[in-house]
Amino acid sequence: MDEDYLLNIIRTIEDSHKAQHIVPSYASKNEIMEQIYDDMRSALGSLLKNGEIEYHKTLNSWAVEQKHA
C-alpha cells in the first residue's frame, strides 16, 4: 500500500475534524479503515463495470477474480 495514499487519508480526516471543531483532530484506525474500504469498493466496482473482474457470491461473503481472455 502506498504511504502517500495513507497520509492523504489521514490528512483528509484531520482537516475534516478541524473544520468541524472536533477535538482531538487525529484520525482513528476505524476512520482510516472505513475510507480504505470505501476506496476498495469503489475501485472494485469500476473494475467490475469495465469487465476486468468477475464477482462471485460465497457461502459467507463474496470474492472476485480476474477475467481471463
Protein backbone atom coordinates (compact mmCIF):
# COMPACT_ATOMS: atom_id res chain seq x y z
CA MET A 1 0.00 0.00 0.00
CA ASP A 2 1.28 3.42 -0.90
CA GLU A 3 2.33 5.58 2.06
CA ASP A 4 1.23 8.77 0.29
CA TYR A 5 -2.25 7.27 -0.10
CA LEU A 6 -2.45 6.67 3.67
CA LEU A 7 -1.06 10.10 4.51
CA ASN A 8 -3.69 11.68 2.26
CA ILE A 9 -6.47 9.78 4.05
CA ILE A 10 -5.12 10.87 7.45
CA ARG A 11 -4.78 14.48 6.28
CA THR A 12 -8.34 14.50 4.92
CA ILE A 13 -9.78 13.12 8.15
CA GLU A 14 -7.78 15.56 10.28
CA ASP A 15 -8.83 18.51 8.10
CA SER A 16 -12.46 17.44 8.38
CA HIS A 17 -12.21 17.21 12.17
CA LYS A 18 -10.57 20.64 12.39
CA ALA A 19 -13.24 22.20 10.17
CA GLN A 20 -15.93 20.71 12.41
CA HIS A 21 -14.05 21.74 15.59
CA ILE A 22 -13.73 18.10 16.68
CA VAL A 23 -11.11 17.62 19.38
CA PRO A 24 -8.85 15.73 19.22
CA SER A 25 -8.47 16.09 15.48
CA TYR A 26 -6.44 12.96 14.85
CA ALA A 27 -7.63 10.15 12.57
CA SER A 28 -8.70 6.95 14.31
CA LYS A 29 -7.88 3.50 12.97
CA ASN A 30 -11.58 2.90 12.32
CA GLU A 31 -11.92 6.09 10.28
CA ILE A 32 -8.85 5.19 8.22
CA MET A 33 -10.05 1.62 7.64
CA GLU A 34 -13.53 2.87 6.66
CA GLN A 35 -12.01 5.14 4.00
CA ILE A 36 -9.75 2.37 2.69
CA TYR A 37 -12.77 0.03 2.49
CA ASP A 38 -14.82 2.66 0.63
CA ASP A 39 -11.98 3.24 -1.84
CA MET A 40 -11.57 -0.52 -2.37
CA ARG A 41 -15.30 -0.98 -3.04
CA SER A 42 -15.27 1.90 -5.50
CA ALA A 43 -12.24 0.51 -7.36
CA LEU A 44 -13.75 -2.99 -7.46
CA GLY A 45 -16.99 -1.54 -8.79
CA SER A 46 -15.11 0.19 -11.61
CA LEU A 47 -13.19 -3.00 -12.45
CA LEU A 48 -16.43 -4.97 -12.49
CA LYS A 49 -18.19 -2.39 -14.66
CA ASN A 50 -15.24 -2.38 -17.09
CA GLY A 51 -15.38 -6.17 -17.32
CA GLU A 52 -11.91 -6.69 -15.88
CA ILE A 53 -13.04 -8.87 -12.95
CA GLU A 54 -15.80 -11.34 -12.15
CA TYR A 55 -17.83 -11.26 -8.94
CA HIS A 56 -18.81 -14.41 -7.06
CA LYS A 57 -21.01 -14.89 -4.01
CA THR A 58 -19.57 -17.32 -1.48
CA LEU A 59 -21.19 -19.02 1.47
CA ASN A 60 -20.24 -16.26 3.92
CA SER A 61 -19.05 -13.39 1.76
CA TRP A 62 -18.06 -12.59 -1.81
CA ALA A 63 -14.97 -12.97 -3.98
CA VAL A 64 -13.55 -11.62 -7.22
CA GLU A 65 -11.21 -12.93 -9.87
CA GLN A 66 -9.58 -11.51 -12.95
CA LYS A 67 -11.37 -12.27 -16.19
CA HIS A 68 -9.26 -14.44 -18.45
CA ALA A 69 -9.02 -13.56 -22.11
